[in-house]
């Protein structure tokens, strides 16, 4: 028959293993996302080197287009 301390130890060990598994999953997801980002950056670089550009309307964002907390509170 297990003592309360042994039960507590078992619970803590199980929690620890659960966290290790979760961290490993998250690291795997982060690695996959880094790989996807590198691929996307490569595609962007390729397209830019072949002369593809974004339309000028999307690149030009003026200060009046950006909503800041200060501008929202001053309208009240």
N, C-alpha and C. Protein backbone atom coordinates (compact mmCIF):
# COMPACT_ATOMS: atom_id res chain seq x y z
N UNK A 1 0.85 -1.19 0.00
CA UNK A 1 0.00 0.00 0.00
C UNK A 1 0.90 1.25 0.00
N UNK A 2 0.59 2.16 -0.90
CA UNK A 2 1.42 3.36 -1.06
C UNK A 2 1.07 4.40 0.00
N UNK A 3 2.10 5.08 0.45
CA UNK A 3 1.89 6.16 1.41
C UNK A 3 1.45 7.41 0.66
N UNK A 4 1.01 8.41 1.41
CA UNK A 4 0.60 9.69 0.80
C UNK A 4 1.79 10.33 0.07
N UNK A 5 2.98 10.21 0.63
CA UNK A 5 4.16 10.79 0.00
C UNK A 5 4.48 10.08 -1.32
N UNK A 6 4.30 8.77 -1.35
CA UNK A 6 4.54 8.02 -2.58
C UNK A 6 3.52 8.39 -3.65
N UNK A 7 2.27 8.57 -3.24
CA UNK A 7 1.22 8.99 -4.18
C UNK A 7 1.54 10.38 -4.73
N UNK A 8 2.00 11.25 -3.83
CA UNK A 8 2.36 12.61 -4.25
C UNK A 8 3.52 12.57 -5.23
N UNK A 9 4.53 11.76 -4.94
CA UNK A 9 5.68 11.61 -5.83
C UNK A 9 5.24 11.09 -7.19
N UNK A 10 4.38 10.10 -7.19
CA UNK A 10 3.89 9.54 -8.45
C UNK A 10 3.16 10.61 -9.25
N UNK A 11 2.34 11.41 -8.59
CA UNK A 11 1.60 12.47 -9.26
C UNK A 11 2.54 13.51 -9.85
N UNK A 12 3.56 13.90 -9.10
CA UNK A 12 4.53 14.90 -9.56
C UNK A 12 5.33 14.36 -10.75
N UNK A 13 5.72 13.10 -10.70
CA UNK A 13 6.47 12.49 -11.80
C UNK A 13 5.60 12.46 -13.06
N UNK A 14 4.33 12.11 -12.92
CA UNK A 14 3.41 12.07 -14.06
C UNK A 14 3.23 13.47 -14.66
N UNK A 15 3.08 14.48 -13.80
CA UNK A 15 2.95 15.86 -14.28
C UNK A 15 4.21 16.28 -15.03
N UNK A 16 5.36 15.90 -14.48
CA UNK A 16 6.63 16.24 -15.10
C UNK A 16 6.73 15.60 -16.49
N UNK A 17 6.38 14.33 -16.60
CA UNK A 17 6.41 13.64 -17.89
C UNK A 17 5.45 14.28 -18.88
N UNK A 18 4.28 14.68 -18.39
CA UNK A 18 3.31 15.35 -19.25
C UNK A 18 3.87 16.64 -19.81
N UNK A 19 4.57 17.41 -18.97
CA UNK A 19 5.18 18.65 -19.43
C UNK A 19 6.30 18.40 -20.42
N UNK A 20 7.11 17.36 -20.19
CA UNK A 20 8.18 17.01 -21.12
C UNK A 20 7.59 16.67 -22.48
N UNK A 21 6.52 15.88 -22.49
CA UNK A 21 5.87 15.52 -23.75
C UNK A 21 5.31 16.75 -24.46
N UNK A 22 4.68 17.63 -23.70
CA UNK A 22 4.11 18.85 -24.28
C UNK A 22 5.21 19.75 -24.86
N UNK A 23 6.31 19.88 -24.14
CA UNK A 23 7.43 20.70 -24.62
C UNK A 23 7.99 20.11 -25.91
N UNK A 24 8.12 18.78 -25.96
CA UNK A 24 8.62 18.14 -27.17
C UNK A 24 7.70 18.38 -28.36
N UNK A 25 6.39 18.33 -28.12
CA UNK A 25 5.43 18.61 -29.19
C UNK A 25 5.55 20.05 -29.66
N UNK A 26 5.66 20.98 -28.72
CA UNK A 26 5.78 22.39 -29.08
C UNK A 26 7.07 22.67 -29.84
N UNK A 27 8.16 22.03 -29.42
CA UNK A 27 9.42 22.20 -30.14
C UNK A 27 9.31 21.66 -31.57
N UNK A 28 8.59 20.55 -31.74
CA UNK A 28 8.37 20.01 -33.07
C UNK A 28 7.56 20.97 -33.93
N UNK A 29 6.53 21.56 -33.34
CA UNK A 29 5.72 22.53 -34.07
C UNK A 29 6.54 23.76 -34.43
N UNK A 30 7.36 24.23 -33.50
CA UNK A 30 8.20 25.40 -33.76
C UNK A 30 9.19 25.10 -34.89
N UNK A 31 9.76 23.91 -34.89
CA UNK A 31 10.71 23.52 -35.94
C UNK A 31 10.01 23.51 -37.30
N UNK A 32 8.81 22.95 -37.35
CA UNK A 32 8.06 22.90 -38.61
C UNK A 32 7.73 24.31 -39.10
N UNK A 33 7.38 25.19 -38.18
CA UNK A 33 7.06 26.57 -38.57
C UNK A 33 8.30 27.32 -39.04
N UNK A 34 9.46 27.08 -38.40
CA UNK A 34 10.70 27.70 -38.85
C UNK A 34 11.04 27.24 -40.27
N UNK A 35 10.85 25.94 -40.53
CA UNK A 35 11.13 25.41 -41.86
C UNK A 35 10.19 26.05 -42.89
N UNK A 36 8.92 26.19 -42.54
CA UNK A 36 7.96 26.82 -43.46
C UNK A 36 8.34 28.27 -43.70
N UNK A 37 8.75 28.98 -42.67
CA UNK A 37 9.17 30.37 -42.81
C UNK A 37 10.36 30.49 -43.75
N UNK A 38 11.34 29.60 -43.61
CA UNK A 38 12.50 29.63 -44.49
C UNK A 38 12.09 29.40 -45.94
N UNK A 39 11.16 28.48 -46.16
CA UNK A 39 10.68 28.22 -47.52
C UNK A 39 9.98 29.46 -48.08
N UNK A 40 9.13 30.07 -47.26
CA UNK A 40 8.41 31.26 -47.71
C UNK A 40 9.37 32.40 -48.01
N UNK A 41 10.39 32.57 -47.17
CA UNK A 41 11.37 33.62 -47.41
C UNK A 41 12.13 33.35 -48.71
N UNK A 42 12.41 32.08 -48.99
CA UNK A 42 13.06 31.73 -50.24
C UNK A 42 12.20 32.05 -51.44
N UNK A 43 10.90 31.78 -51.32
CA UNK A 43 9.97 32.10 -52.41
C UNK A 43 9.91 33.61 -52.61
N UNK A 44 9.83 34.36 -51.52
CA UNK A 44 9.79 35.83 -51.61
C UNK A 44 11.05 36.34 -52.31
N UNK A 45 12.19 35.83 -51.88
CA UNK A 45 13.46 36.27 -52.48
C UNK A 45 13.49 35.94 -53.98
N UNK A 46 13.06 34.75 -54.34
CA UNK A 46 13.03 34.35 -55.74
C UNK A 46 12.13 35.28 -56.56
N UNK A 47 10.92 35.51 -56.06
CA UNK A 47 9.98 36.35 -56.79
C UNK A 47 10.51 37.78 -56.94
N UNK A 48 11.12 38.31 -55.88
CA UNK A 48 11.66 39.66 -55.95
C UNK A 48 12.83 39.72 -56.94
N UNK A 49 13.64 38.68 -56.99
CA UNK A 49 14.77 38.67 -57.93
C UNK A 49 14.30 38.55 -59.37
N UNK A 50 13.12 37.96 -59.58
CA UNK A 50 12.60 37.85 -60.94
C UNK A 50 11.79 39.07 -61.33
N UNK A 51 11.76 40.09 -60.45
CA UNK A 51 11.12 41.35 -60.79
C UNK A 51 9.69 41.50 -60.33
N UNK A 52 9.16 40.54 -59.60
CA UNK A 52 7.79 40.64 -59.09
C UNK A 52 7.76 41.62 -57.94
N UNK A 53 6.81 42.57 -57.99
CA UNK A 53 6.66 43.56 -56.93
C UNK A 53 5.21 43.64 -56.52
N UNK A 54 4.98 44.07 -55.30
CA UNK A 54 3.62 44.30 -54.82
C UNK A 54 3.08 45.58 -55.44
N UNK A 55 1.77 45.66 -55.64
CA UNK A 55 1.20 46.92 -56.14
C UNK A 55 1.53 48.06 -55.19
N UNK A 56 1.71 49.24 -55.73
CA UNK A 56 2.11 50.40 -54.93
C UNK A 56 1.08 50.74 -53.86
N UNK A 57 -0.21 50.49 -54.10
CA UNK A 57 -1.25 50.83 -53.13
C UNK A 57 -1.04 50.08 -51.82
N UNK A 58 -0.60 48.83 -51.89
CA UNK A 58 -0.43 48.03 -50.68
C UNK A 58 0.82 48.43 -49.91
N UNK A 59 1.82 48.96 -50.59
CA UNK A 59 3.06 49.33 -49.92
C UNK A 59 2.96 50.67 -49.21
N UNK A 60 2.14 51.59 -49.72
CA UNK A 60 2.07 52.93 -49.17
C UNK A 60 0.98 53.02 -48.11
N UNK A 61 1.37 52.96 -46.86
CA UNK A 61 0.45 53.14 -45.74
C UNK A 61 0.82 54.45 -45.09
N UNK A 62 -0.11 55.38 -45.05
CA UNK A 62 0.18 56.68 -44.45
C UNK A 62 -0.17 56.66 -42.98
N UNK A 63 0.28 57.70 -42.27
CA UNK A 63 -0.01 57.78 -40.84
C UNK A 63 -1.50 57.88 -40.58
N UNK A 64 -2.25 58.48 -41.48
CA UNK A 64 -3.69 58.63 -41.26
C UNK A 64 -4.40 57.30 -41.39
N UNK A 65 -3.80 56.33 -42.07
CA UNK A 65 -4.41 55.01 -42.21
C UNK A 65 -4.21 54.15 -40.96
N UNK A 66 -3.23 54.50 -40.14
CA UNK A 66 -2.91 53.71 -38.96
C UNK A 66 -3.72 54.25 -37.79
N UNK A 67 -4.46 53.36 -37.12
CA UNK A 67 -5.26 53.76 -35.96
C UNK A 67 -4.44 53.47 -34.71
N UNK A 68 -4.21 54.50 -33.91
CA UNK A 68 -3.47 54.34 -32.67
C UNK A 68 -4.41 54.58 -31.50
N UNK A 69 -4.06 54.05 -30.32
CA UNK A 69 -4.91 54.27 -29.15
C UNK A 69 -5.11 55.76 -28.85
N UNK A 70 -4.08 56.58 -29.11
CA UNK A 70 -4.19 58.01 -28.84
C UNK A 70 -5.26 58.65 -29.74
N UNK A 71 -5.27 58.24 -31.02
CA UNK A 71 -6.23 58.85 -31.95
C UNK A 71 -7.65 58.41 -31.63
N UNK A 72 -7.81 57.19 -31.11
CA UNK A 72 -9.16 56.73 -30.75
C UNK A 72 -9.68 57.47 -29.54
N UNK A 73 -8.83 57.71 -28.53
CA UNK A 73 -9.28 58.35 -27.30
C UNK A 73 -9.51 59.85 -27.51
N UNK A 74 -8.83 60.47 -28.45
CA UNK A 74 -9.01 61.90 -28.66
C UNK A 74 -10.34 62.21 -29.35
N UNK A 75 -10.93 61.22 -30.05
CA UNK A 75 -12.20 61.42 -30.71
C UNK A 75 -13.38 61.40 -29.74
N UNK A 76 -13.17 60.83 -28.55
CA UNK A 76 -14.27 60.66 -27.59
C UNK A 76 -14.66 61.96 -26.94
